[in-house]
Amino acid sequence: AASLPMSIIIVGVGPAEFDAMEELDGDEVRVSFKGRLAERDIVQFVPFRDYVDRTGNQVLSMARLAKDVLAEIPDQLLSFMKTRGIEPRPALASSSLPDLHRHI
């Protein structure tokens, strides 16, 4: 799967130990299967219990969860594009961008 243009997000729910998920996340050590190393890290794992706000501020804790869950996606996309030699297109001139504020 690491050779495909995808990212996998796993949120661990409950009191279980998530050691296997932490290993699958691959932040510390590259995951391997049958002696073959994963081409790149595509898994982001976070335990939900780390984001339960004991003070009752659920909005803040869910915002932190969202931030951390999505944190690795940009680097995962870039690593896929780099391994395929795909270069970004040149930026558009600001005059050619649509005027979005008129539509809001």
PDB file of N, CA and C in Angstrom:
ATOM      1  N   ALA A   1       0.812  -1.201   0.000  1.00  0.00           N
ATOM      2  CA  ALA A   1       0.000   0.000   0.000  1.00  0.00           C
ATOM      3  C   ALA A   1       0.855   1.266   0.000  1.00  0.00           C
ATOM      4  N   ALA A   2       2.078   1.174   0.542  1.00  0.00           N
ATOM      5  CA  ALA A   2       2.934   2.357   0.638  1.00  0.00           C
ATOM      6  C   ALA A   2       3.353   2.884  -0.726  1.00  0.00           C
ATOM      7  N   SER A   3       3.179   2.088  -1.774  1.00  0.00           N
ATOM      8  CA  SER A   3       3.526   2.566  -3.108  1.00  0.00           C
ATOM      9  C   SER A   3       2.346   3.251  -3.791  1.00  0.00           C
ATOM     10  N   LEU A   4       1.197   3.276  -3.126  1.00  0.00           N
ATOM     11  CA  LEU A   4      -0.005   3.906  -3.680  1.00  0.00           C
ATOM     12  C   LEU A   4      -0.156   5.331  -3.154  1.00  0.00           C
ATOM     13  N   PRO A   5      -0.877   6.189  -3.885  1.00  0.00           N
ATOM     14  CA  PRO A   5      -1.085   7.572  -3.426  1.00  0.00           C
ATOM     15  C   PRO A   5      -2.182   7.621  -2.364  1.00  0.00           C
ATOM     16  N   MET A   6      -1.856   7.124  -1.171  1.00  0.00           N
ATOM     17  CA  MET A   6      -2.851   7.091  -0.111  1.00  0.00           C
ATOM     18  C   MET A   6      -2.211   7.307   1.246  1.00  0.00           C
ATOM     19  N   SER A   7      -3.026   7.731   2.188  1.00  0.00           N
ATOM     20  CA  SER A   7      -2.641   7.852   3.589  1.00  0.00           C
ATOM     21  C   SER A   7      -3.696   7.131   4.398  1.00  0.00           C
ATOM     22  N   ILE A   8      -3.263   6.532   5.498  1.00  0.00           N
ATOM     23  CA  ILE A   8      -4.181   5.802   6.375  1.00  0.00           C
ATOM     24  C   ILE A   8      -4.156   6.480   7.737  1.00  0.00           C
ATOM     25  N   ILE A   9      -5.341   6.837   8.217  1.00  0.00           N
ATOM     26  CA  ILE A   9      -5.484   7.465   9.531  1.00  0.00           C
ATOM     27  C   ILE A   9      -6.211   6.492  10.440  1.00  0.00           C
ATOM     28  N   ILE A  10      -5.615   6.220  11.594  1.00  0.00           N
ATOM     29  CA  ILE A  10      -6.224   5.321  12.571  1.00  0.00           C
ATOM     30  C   ILE A  10      -6.362   6.068  13.884  1.00  0.00           C
ATOM     31  N   VAL A  11      -7.570   6.063  14.434  1.00  0.00           N
ATOM     32  CA  VAL A  11      -7.821   6.642  15.752  1.00  0.00           C
ATOM     33  C   VAL A  11      -8.175   5.489  16.681  1.00  0.00           C
ATOM     34  N   GLY A  12      -7.342   5.270  17.687  1.00  0.00           N
ATOM     35  CA  GLY A  12      -7.579   4.199  18.652  1.00  0.00           C
ATOM     36  C   GLY A  12      -8.579   4.649  19.697  1.00  0.00           C
ATOM     37  N   VAL A  13      -9.640   3.882  19.872  1.00  0.00           N
ATOM     38  CA  VAL A  13     -10.699   4.224  20.822  1.00  0.00           C
ATOM     39  C   VAL A  13     -10.743   3.168  21.916  1.00  0.00           C
ATOM     40  N   GLY A  14     -10.840   3.620  23.153  1.00  0.00           N
ATOM     41  CA  GLY A  14     -10.963   2.691  24.273  1.00  0.00           C
ATOM     42  C   GLY A  14      -9.695   2.611  25.093  1.00  0.00           C
ATOM     43  N   PRO A  15      -9.725   1.757  26.124  1.00  0.00           N
ATOM     44  CA  PRO A  15      -8.609   1.674  27.068  1.00  0.00           C
ATOM     45  C   PRO A  15      -7.504   0.696  26.665  1.00  0.00           C
ATOM     46  N   ALA A  16      -7.601   0.071  25.513  1.00  0.00           N
ATOM     47  CA  ALA A  16      -6.632  -0.946  25.102  1.00  0.00           C
ATOM     48  C   ALA A  16      -5.234  -0.356  24.933  1.00  0.00           C
ATOM     49  N   GLU A  17      -4.250  -1.257  24.959  1.00  0.00           N
ATOM     50  CA  GLU A  17      -2.878  -0.860  24.632  1.00  0.00           C
ATOM     51  C   GLU A  17      -2.759  -0.856  23.111  1.00  0.00           C
ATOM     52  N   PHE A  18      -2.139   0.159  22.580  1.00  0.00           N
ATOM     53  CA  PHE A  18      -2.060   0.321  21.134  1.00  0.00           C
ATOM     54  C   PHE A  18      -0.630   0.195  20.618  1.00  0.00           C
ATOM     55  N   ASP A  19       0.163  -0.648  21.258  1.00  0.00           N
ATOM     56  CA  ASP A  19       1.563  -0.795  20.857  1.00  0.00           C
ATOM     57  C   ASP A  19       1.697  -1.186  19.388  1.00  0.00           C
ATOM     58  N   ALA A  20       0.858  -2.117  18.929  1.00  0.00           N
ATOM     59  CA  ALA A  20       0.930  -2.557  17.530  1.00  0.00           C
ATOM     60  C   ALA A  20       0.588  -1.407  16.576  1.00  0.00           C
ATOM     61  N   MET A  21      -0.348  -0.561  16.968  1.00  0.00           N
ATOM     62  CA  MET A  21      -0.718   0.576  16.118  1.00  0.00           C
ATOM     63  C   MET A  21       0.408   1.603  16.077  1.00  0.00           C
ATOM     64  N   GLU A  22       1.054   1.806  17.225  1.00  0.00           N
ATOM     65  CA  GLU A  22       2.192   2.735  17.274  1.00  0.00           C
ATOM     66  C   GLU A  22       3.300   2.246  16.344  1.00  0.00           C
ATOM     67  N   GLU A  23       3.513   0.932  16.326  1.00  0.00           N
ATOM     68  CA  GLU A  23       4.530   0.355  15.435  1.00  0.00           C
ATOM     69  C   GLU A  23       4.124   0.524  13.981  1.00  0.00           C
ATOM     70  N   LEU A  24       2.849   0.294  13.685  1.00  0.00           N
ATOM     71  CA  LEU A  24       2.339   0.443  12.324  1.00  0.00           C
ATOM     72  C   LEU A  24       2.467   1.881  11.842  1.00  0.00           C
ATOM     73  N   ASP A  25       2.353   2.823  12.770  1.00  0.00           N
ATOM     74  CA  ASP A  25       2.480   4.240  12.433  1.00  0.00           C
ATOM     75  C   ASP A  25       3.815   4.508  11.748  1.00  0.00           C
ATOM     76  N   GLY A  26       4.865   3.826  12.146  1.00  0.00           N
ATOM     77  CA  GLY A  26       6.137   3.916  11.447  1.00  0.00           C
ATOM     78  C   GLY A  26       6.902   5.203  11.613  1.00  0.00           C
ATOM     79  N   ASP A  27       6.575   6.013  12.618  1.00  0.00           N
ATOM     80  CA  ASP A  27       7.324   7.257  12.819  1.00  0.00           C
ATOM     81  C   ASP A  27       8.746   6.989  13.298  1.00  0.00           C
ATOM     82  N   GLU A  28       8.922   5.958  14.109  1.00  0.00           N
ATOM     83  CA  GLU A  28      10.242   5.649  14.666  1.00  0.00           C
ATOM     84  C   GLU A  28      11.027   4.684  13.778  1.00  0.00           C
ATOM     85  N   VAL A  29      10.360   3.634  13.308  1.00  0.00           N
ATOM     86  CA  VAL A  29      11.009   2.598  12.511  1.00  0.00           C
ATOM     87  C   VAL A  29      10.143   2.302  11.291  1.00  0.00           C
ATOM     88  N   ARG A  30      10.756   2.190  10.138  1.00  0.00           N
ATOM     89  CA  ARG A  30      10.026   1.886   8.916  1.00  0.00           C
ATOM     90  C   ARG A  30       9.396   0.505   9.020  1.00  0.00           C
ATOM     91  N   VAL A  31       8.140   0.396   8.691  1.00  0.00           N
ATOM     92  CA  VAL A  31       7.411  -0.865   8.755  1.00  0.00           C
ATOM     93  C   VAL A  31       7.917  -1.803   7.667  1.00  0.00           C
ATOM     94  N   SER A  32       7.975  -3.095   7.990  1.00  0.00           N
ATOM     95  CA  SER A  32       8.371  -4.080   6.990  1.00  0.00           C
ATOM     96  C   SER A  32       7.430  -5.275   7.048  1.00  0.00           C
ATOM     97  N   PHE A  33       7.333  -5.978   5.926  1.00  0.00           N
ATOM     98  CA  PHE A  33       6.504  -7.177   5.832  1.00  0.00           C
ATOM     99  C   PHE A  33       7.267  -8.206   5.020  1.00  0.00           C
ATOM    100  N   LYS A  34       7.483  -9.370   5.613  1.00  0.00           N
ATOM    101  CA  LYS A  34       8.238 -10.460   4.966  1.00  0.00           C
ATOM    102  C   LYS A  34       9.593  -9.967   4.457  1.00  0.00           C
ATOM    103  N   GLY A  35      10.242  -9.146   5.279  1.00  0.00           N
ATOM    104  CA  GLY A  35      11.575  -8.664   4.937  1.00  0.00           C
ATOM    105  C   GLY A  35      11.621  -7.490   3.987  1.00  0.00           C
ATOM    106  N   ARG A  36      10.480  -7.039   3.518  1.00  0.00           N
ATOM    107  CA  ARG A  36      10.434  -5.918   2.566  1.00  0.00           C
ATOM    108  C   ARG A  36      10.010  -4.643   3.305  1.00  0.00           C
ATOM    109  N   LEU A  37      10.860  -3.630   3.270  1.00  0.00           N
ATOM    110  CA  LEU A  37      10.554  -2.360   3.935  1.00  0.00           C
ATOM    111  C   LEU A  37       9.490  -1.581   3.170  1.00  0.00           C
ATOM    112  N   ALA A  38       8.632  -0.923   3.913  1.00  0.00           N
ATOM    113  CA  ALA A  38       7.630  -0.056   3.281  1.00  0.00           C
ATOM    114  C   ALA A  38       8.345   1.072   2.548  1.00  0.00           C
ATOM    115  N   GLU A  39       7.830   1.405   1.408  1.00  0.00           N
ATOM    116  CA  GLU A  39       8.440   2.452   0.576  1.00  0.00           C
ATOM    117  C   GLU A  39       8.438   3.802   1.285  1.00  0.00           C
ATOM    118  N   ARG A  40       7.367   4.060   2.036  1.00  0.00           N
ATOM    119  CA  ARG A  40       7.244   5.322   2.767  1.00  0.00           C
ATOM    120  C   ARG A  40       6.239   5.148   3.893  1.00  0.00           C
ATOM    121  N   ASP A  41       6.198   6.105   4.798  1.00  0.00           N
ATOM    122  CA  ASP A  41       5.263   6.082   5.924  1.00  0.00           C
ATOM    123  C   ASP A  41       3.921   6.637   5.456  1.00  0.00           C
ATOM    124  N   ILE A  42       2.874   5.814   5.521  1.00  0.00           N
ATOM    125  CA  ILE A  42       1.553   6.272   5.082  1.00  0.00           C
ATOM    126  C   ILE A  42       0.524   6.216   6.201  1.00  0.00           C
ATOM    127  N   VAL A  43       0.942   5.808   7.407  1.00  0.00           N
ATOM    128  CA  VAL A  43      -0.007   5.617   8.501  1.00  0.00           C
ATOM    129  C   VAL A  43       0.186   6.692   9.563  1.00  0.00           C
ATOM    130  N   GLN A  44      -0.919   7.257  10.013  1.00  0.00           N
ATOM    131  CA  GLN A  44      -0.933   8.184  11.143  1.00  0.00           C
ATOM    132  C   GLN A  44      -1.865   7.593  12.185  1.00  0.00           C
ATOM    133  N   PHE A  45      -1.332   7.284  13.361  1.00  0.00           N
ATOM    134  CA  PHE A  45      -2.132   6.735  14.446  1.00  0.00           C
ATOM    135  C   PHE A  45      -2.139   7.698  15.628  1.00  0.00           C
ATOM    136  N   VAL A  46      -3.311   7.920  16.192  1.00  0.00           N
ATOM    137  CA  VAL A  46      -3.426   8.677  17.443  1.00  0.00           C
ATOM    138  C   VAL A  46      -4.438   7.985  18.347  1.00  0.00           C
ATOM    139  N   PRO A  47      -4.111   7.853  19.636  1.00  0.00           N
ATOM    140  CA  PRO A  47      -5.086   7.302  20.580  1.00  0.00           C
ATOM    141  C   PRO A  47      -6.069   8.398  21.007  1.00  0.00           C
ATOM    142  N   PHE A  48      -7.339   8.134  20.838  1.00  0.00           N
ATOM    143  CA  PHE A  48      -8.378   9.115  21.145  1.00  0.00           C
ATOM    144  C   PHE A  48      -8.299   9.587  22.593  1.00  0.00           C
ATOM    145  N   ARG A  49      -7.952   8.685  23.512  1.00  0.00           N
ATOM    146  CA  ARG A  49      -7.924   9.031  24.941  1.00  0.00           C
ATOM    147  C   ARG A  49      -6.971  10.185  25.243  1.00  0.00           C
ATOM    148  N   ASP A  50      -5.973  10.394  24.393  1.00  0.00           N
ATOM    149  CA  ASP A  50      -5.047  11.505  24.594  1.00  0.00           C
ATOM    150  C   ASP A  50      -5.690  12.860  24.300  1.00  0.00           C
ATOM    151  N   TYR A  51      -6.895  12.839  23.742  1.00  0.00           N
ATOM    152  CA  TYR A  51      -7.560  14.084  23.337  1.00  0.00           C
ATOM    153  C   TYR A  51      -8.856  14.334  24.084  1.00  0.00           C
ATOM    154  N   VAL A  52      -9.148  13.518  25.065  1.00  0.00           N
ATOM    155  CA  VAL A  52     -10.342  13.732  25.874  1.00  0.00           C
ATOM    156  C   VAL A  52     -10.004  14.819  26.884  1.00  0.00           C
ATOM    157  N   ASP A  53     -10.675  15.930  26.788  1.00  0.00           N
ATOM    158  CA  ASP A  53     -10.411  17.077  27.654  1.00  0.00           C
ATOM    159  C   ASP A  53     -11.181  16.921  28.954  1.00  0.00           C
ATOM    160  N   ARG A  54     -10.455  16.784  30.013  1.00  0.00           N
ATOM    161  CA  ARG A  54     -11.074  16.575  31.336  1.00  0.00           C
ATOM    162  C   ARG A  54     -11.764  17.829  31.865  1.00  0.00           C
ATOM    163  N   THR A  55     -11.443  18.997  31.276  1.00  0.00           N
ATOM    164  CA  THR A  55     -12.060  20.243  31.743  1.00  0.00           C
ATOM    165  C   THR A  55     -13.396  20.508  31.068  1.00  0.00           C
ATOM    166  N   GLY A  56     -13.743  19.710  30.100  1.00  0.00           N
ATOM    167  CA  GLY A  56     -15.028  19.877  29.428  1.00  0.00           C
ATOM    168  C   GLY A  56     -14.968  20.675  28.145  1.00  0.00           C
ATOM    169  N   ASN A  57     -13.789  21.144  27.745  1.00  0.00           N
ATOM    170  CA  ASN A  57     -13.657  21.923  26.517  1.00  0.00           C
ATOM    171  C   ASN A  57     -13.501  20.967  25.338  1.00  0.00           C
ATOM    172  N   GLN A  58     -14.607  20.405  24.873  1.00  0.00           N
ATOM    173  CA  GLN A  58     -14.572  19.417  23.803  1.00  0.00           C
ATOM    174  C   GLN A  58     -14.153  20.014  22.464  1.00  0.00           C
ATOM    175  N   VAL A  59     -14.493  21.268  22.235  1.00  0.00           N
ATOM    176  CA  VAL A  59     -14.139  21.893  20.961  1.00  0.00           C
ATOM    177  C   VAL A  59     -12.620  21.974  20.820  1.00  0.00           C
ATOM    178  N   LEU A  60     -11.947  22.405  21.885  1.00  0.00           N
ATOM    179  CA  LEU A  60     -10.495  22.517  21.849  1.00  0.00           C
ATOM    180  C   LEU A  60      -9.839  21.152  21.688  1.00  0.00           C
ATOM    181  N   SER A  61     -10.326  20.156  22.419  1.00  0.00           N
ATOM    182  CA  SER A  61      -9.710  18.834  22.329  1.00  0.00           C
ATOM    183  C   SER A  61      -9.940  18.208  20.954  1.00  0.00           C
ATOM    184  N   MET A  62     -11.107  18.408  20.347  1.00  0.00           N
ATOM    185  CA  MET A  62     -11.362  17.866  19.013  1.00  0.00           C
ATOM    186  C   MET A  62     -10.544  18.607  17.959  1.00  0.00           C
ATOM    187  N   ALA A  63     -10.297  19.881  18.173  1.00  0.00           N
ATOM    188  CA  ALA A  63      -9.451  20.643  17.251  1.00  0.00           C
ATOM    189  C   ALA A  63      -8.014  20.121  17.311  1.00  0.00           C
ATOM    190  N   ARG A  64      -7.525  19.817  18.507  1.00  0.00           N
ATOM    191  CA  ARG A  64      -6.185  19.238  18.654  1.00  0.00           C
ATOM    192  C   ARG A  64      -6.112  17.871  17.992  1.00  0.00           C
ATOM    193  N   LEU A  65      -7.166  17.067  18.172  1.00  0.00           N
ATOM    194  CA  LEU A  65      -7.223  15.743  17.548  1.00  0.00           C
ATOM    195  C   LEU A  65      -7.145  15.883  16.022  1.00  0.00           C
ATOM    196  N   ALA A  66      -7.956  16.748  15.462  1.00  0.00           N
ATOM    197  CA  ALA A  66      -7.963  16.955  14.012  1.00  0.00           C
ATOM    198  C   ALA A  66      -6.587  17.412  13.517  1.00  0.00           C
ATOM    199  N   LYS A  67      -5.982  18.342  14.228  1.00  0.00           N
ATOM    200  CA  LYS A  67      -4.665  18.851  13.850  1.00  0.00           C
ATOM    201  C   LYS A  67      -3.632  17.729  13.835  1.00  0.00           C
ATOM    202  N   ASP A  68      -3.608  16.915  14.887  1.00  0.00           N
ATOM    203  CA  ASP A  68      -2.605  15.855  14.979  1.00  0.00           C
ATOM    204  C   ASP A  68      -2.878  14.714  14.003  1.00  0.00           C
ATOM    205  N   VAL A  69      -4.148  14.397  13.780  1.00  0.00           N
ATOM    206  CA  VAL A  69      -4.497  13.333  12.835  1.00  0.00           C
ATOM    207  C   VAL A  69      -4.059  13.713  11.419  1.00  0.00           C
ATOM    208  N   LEU A  70      -4.215  14.968  11.076  1.00  0.00           N
ATOM    209  CA  LEU A  70      -3.903  15.422   9.714  1.00  0.00           C
ATOM    210  C   LEU A  70      -2.464  15.914   9.542  1.00  0.00           C
ATOM    211  N   ALA A  71      -1.689  15.944  10.627  1.00  0.00           N
ATOM    212  CA  ALA A  71      -0.363  16.556  10.613  1.00  0.00           C
ATOM    213  C   ALA A  71       0.591  15.950   9.587  1.00  0.00           C
ATOM    214  N   GLU A  72       0.541  14.654   9.382  1.00  0.00           N
ATOM    215  CA  GLU A  72       1.512  14.005   8.506  1.00  0.00           C
ATOM    216  C   GLU A  72       1.078  13.932   7.039  1.00  0.00           C
ATOM    217  N   ILE A  73      -0.163  14.270   6.752  1.00  0.00           N
ATOM    218  CA  ILE A  73      -0.681  14.133   5.391  1.00  0.00           C
ATOM    219  C   ILE A  73       0.133  14.938   4.368  1.00  0.00           C
ATOM    220  N   PRO A  74       0.461  16.205   4.620  1.00  0.00           N
ATOM    221  CA  PRO A  74       1.240  16.943   3.610  1.00  0.00           C
ATOM    222  C   PRO A  74       2.582  16.280   3.294  1.00  0.00           C
ATOM    223  N   ASP A  75       3.306  15.825   4.314  1.00  0.00           N
ATOM    224  CA  ASP A  75       4.592  15.165   4.068  1.00  0.00           C
ATOM    225  C   ASP A  75       4.406  13.834   3.359  1.00  0.00           C
ATOM    226  N   GLN A  76       3.332  13.131   3.667  1.00  0.00           N
ATOM    227  CA  GLN A  76       3.071  11.864   2.985  1.00  0.00           C
ATOM    228  C   GLN A  76       2.791  12.104   1.497  1.00  0.00           C
ATOM    229  N   LEU A  77       2.036  13.132   1.194  1.00  0.00           N
ATOM    230  CA  LEU A  77       1.771  13.476  -0.208  1.00  0.00           C
ATOM    231  C   LEU A  77       3.063  13.862  -0.922  1.00  0.00           C
ATOM    232  N   LEU A  78       3.859  14.709  -0.280  1.00  0.00           N
ATOM    233  CA  LEU A  78       5.119  15.125  -0.904  1.00  0.00           C
ATOM    234  C   LEU A  78       6.055  13.951  -1.127  1.00  0.00           C
ATOM    235  N   SER A  79       6.117  13.022  -0.169  1.00  0.00           N
ATOM    236  CA  SER A  79       7.015  11.878  -0.342  1.00  0.00           C
ATOM    237  C   SER A  79       6.560  11.008  -1.514  1.00  0.00           C
ATOM    238  N   PHE A  80       5.244  10.853  -1.681  1.00  0.00           N
ATOM    239  CA  PHE A  80       4.751  10.096  -2.830  1.00  0.00           C
ATOM    240  C   PHE A  80       5.138  10.788  -4.132  1.00  0.00           C
ATOM    241  N   MET A  81       4.902  12.090  -4.207  1.00  0.00           N
ATOM    242  CA  MET A  81       5.192  12.833  -5.435  1.00  0.00           C
ATOM    243  C   MET A  81       6.697  12.794  -5.754  1.00  0.00           C
ATOM    244  N   LYS A  82       7.540  12.936  -4.740  1.00  0.00           N
ATOM    245  CA  LYS A  82       8.990  12.918  -4.968  1.00  0.00           C
ATOM    246  C   LYS A  82       9.460  11.557  -5.455  1.00  0.00           C
ATOM    247  N   THR A  83       8.919  10.473  -4.891  1.00  0.00           N
ATOM    248  CA  THR A  83       9.353   9.145  -5.328  1.00  0.00           C
ATOM    249  C   THR A  83       8.952   8.869  -6.768  1.00  0.00           C
ATOM    250  N   ARG A  84       7.957   9.583  -7.274  1.00  0.00           N
ATOM    251  CA  ARG A  84       7.500   9.406  -8.654  1.00  0.00           C
ATOM    252  C   ARG A  84       8.057  10.470  -9.587  1.00  0.00           C
ATOM    253  N   GLY A  85       8.861  11.381  -9.044  1.00  0.00           N
ATOM    254  CA  GLY A  85       9.442  12.440  -9.872  1.00  0.00           C
ATOM    255  C   GLY A  85       8.407  13.438 -10.357  1.00  0.00           C
ATOM    256  N   ILE A  86       7.320  13.590  -9.622  1.00  0.00           N
ATOM    257  CA  ILE A  86       6.254  14.516 -10.020  1.00  0.00           C
ATOM    258  C   ILE A  86       6.548  15.880  -9.416  1.00  0.00           C
ATOM    259  N   GLU A  87       6.720  16.868 -10.289  1.00  0.00           N
ATOM    260  CA  GLU A  87       7.029  18.234  -9.864  1.00  0.00           C
ATOM    261  C   GLU A  87       5.746  19.060  -9.787  1.00  0.00           C
ATOM    262  N   PRO A  88       5.679  19.999  -8.846  1.00  0.00           N
ATOM    263  CA  PRO A  88       4.495  20.869  -8.783  1.00  0.00           C
ATOM    264  C   PRO A  88       4.453  21.800  -9.987  1.00  0.00           C
ATOM    265  N   ARG A  89       3.258  22.163 -10.376  1.00  0.00           N
ATOM    266  CA  ARG A  89       3.089  23.132 -11.460  1.00  0.00           C
ATOM    267  C   ARG A  89       3.482  24.511 -10.944  1.00  0.00           C
ATOM    268  N   PRO A  90       3.860  25.394 -11.838  1.00  0.00           N
ATOM    269  CA  PRO A  90       4.162  26.769 -11.409  1.00  0.00           C
ATOM    270  C   PRO A  90       2.909  27.412 -10.813  1.00  0.00           C
ATOM    271  N   ALA A  91       3.120  28.292  -9.847  1.00  0.00           N
ATOM    272  CA  ALA A  91       1.998  28.990  -9.206  1.00  0.00           C
ATOM    273  C   ALA A  91       1.301  29.887 -10.214  1.00  0.00           C
ATOM    274  N   LEU A  92      -0.009  30.005 -10.056  1.00  0.00           N
ATOM    275  CA  LEU A  92      -0.781  30.912 -10.896  1.00  0.00           C
ATOM    276  C   LEU A  92      -0.531  32.350 -10.464  1.00  0.00           C
ATOM    277  N   ALA A  93      -0.578  33.253 -11.399  1.00  0.00           N
ATOM    278  CA  ALA A  93      -0.476  34.667 -11.063  1.00  0.00           C
ATOM    279  C   ALA A  93      -1.720  35.055 -10.267  1.00  0.00           C
ATOM    280  N   SER A  94      -1.567  35.932  -9.309  1.00  0.00           N
ATOM    281  CA  SER A  94      -2.704  36.298  -8.460  1.00  0.00           C
ATOM    282  C   SER A  94      -3.847  36.911  -9.257  1.00  0.00           C
ATOM    283  N   SER A  95      -3.563  37.519 -10.398  1.00  0.00           N
ATOM    284  CA  SER A  95      -4.621  38.120 -11.211  1.00  0.00           C
ATOM    285  C   SER A  95      -5.497  37.065 -11.885  1.00  0.00           C
ATOM    286  N   SER A  96      -4.981  35.832 -12.031  1.00  0.00           N
ATOM    287  CA  SER A  96      -5.772  34.799 -12.699  1.00  0.00           C
ATOM    288  C   SER A  96      -6.583  33.955 -11.705  1.00  0.00           C
ATOM    289  N   LEU A  97      -6.419  34.215 -10.414  1.00  0.00           N
ATOM    290  CA  LEU A  97      -7.206  33.493  -9.413  1.00  0.00           C
ATOM    291  C   LEU A  97      -8.586  34.100  -9.312  1.00  0.00           C
ATOM    292  N   PRO A  98      -9.598  33.292  -9.033  1.00  0.00           N
ATOM    293  CA  PRO A  98     -10.948  33.844  -8.906  1.00  0.00           C
ATOM    294  C   PRO A  98     -11.055  34.732  -7.674  1.00  0.00           C
ATOM    295  N   ASP A  99     -11.906  35.715  -7.772  1.00  0.00           N
ATOM    296  CA  ASP A  99     -12.135  36.642  -6.665  1.00  0.00           C
ATOM    297  C   ASP A  99     -13.154  36.020  -5.722  1.00  0.00           C
ATOM    298  N   LEU A 100     -12.678  35.241  -4.745  1.00  0.00           N
ATOM    299  CA  LEU A 100     -13.561  34.458  -3.883  1.00  0.00           C
ATOM    300  C   LEU A 100     -14.363  35.293  -2.902  1.00  0.00           C
ATOM    301  N   HIS A 101     -13.840  36.410  -2.462  1.00  0.00           N
ATOM    302  CA  HIS A 101     -14.553  37.154  -1.422  1.00  0.00           C
ATOM    303  C   HIS A 101     -15.891  37.720  -1.914  1.00  0.00           C
ATOM    304  N   ARG A 102     -16.070  37.881  -3.214  1.00  0.00           N
ATOM    305  CA  ARG A 102     -17.355  38.370  -3.735  1.00  0.00           C
ATOM    306  C   ARG A 102     -18.452  37.324  -3.603  1.00  0.00           C
ATOM    307  N   HIS A 103     -18.059  36.044  -3.525  1.00  0.00           N
ATOM    308  CA  HIS A 103     -19.042  34.965  -3.478  1.00  0.00           C
ATOM    309  C   HIS A 103     -19.422  34.568  -2.053  1.00  0.00           C
ATOM    310  N   ILE A 104     -18.793  35.163  -1.096  1.00  0.00           N
ATOM    311  CA  ILE A 104     -19.070  34.795   0.302  1.00  0.00           C
ATOM    312  C   ILE A 104     -20.122  35.685   0.895  1.00  0.00           C
TER     313      ILE A 104
END
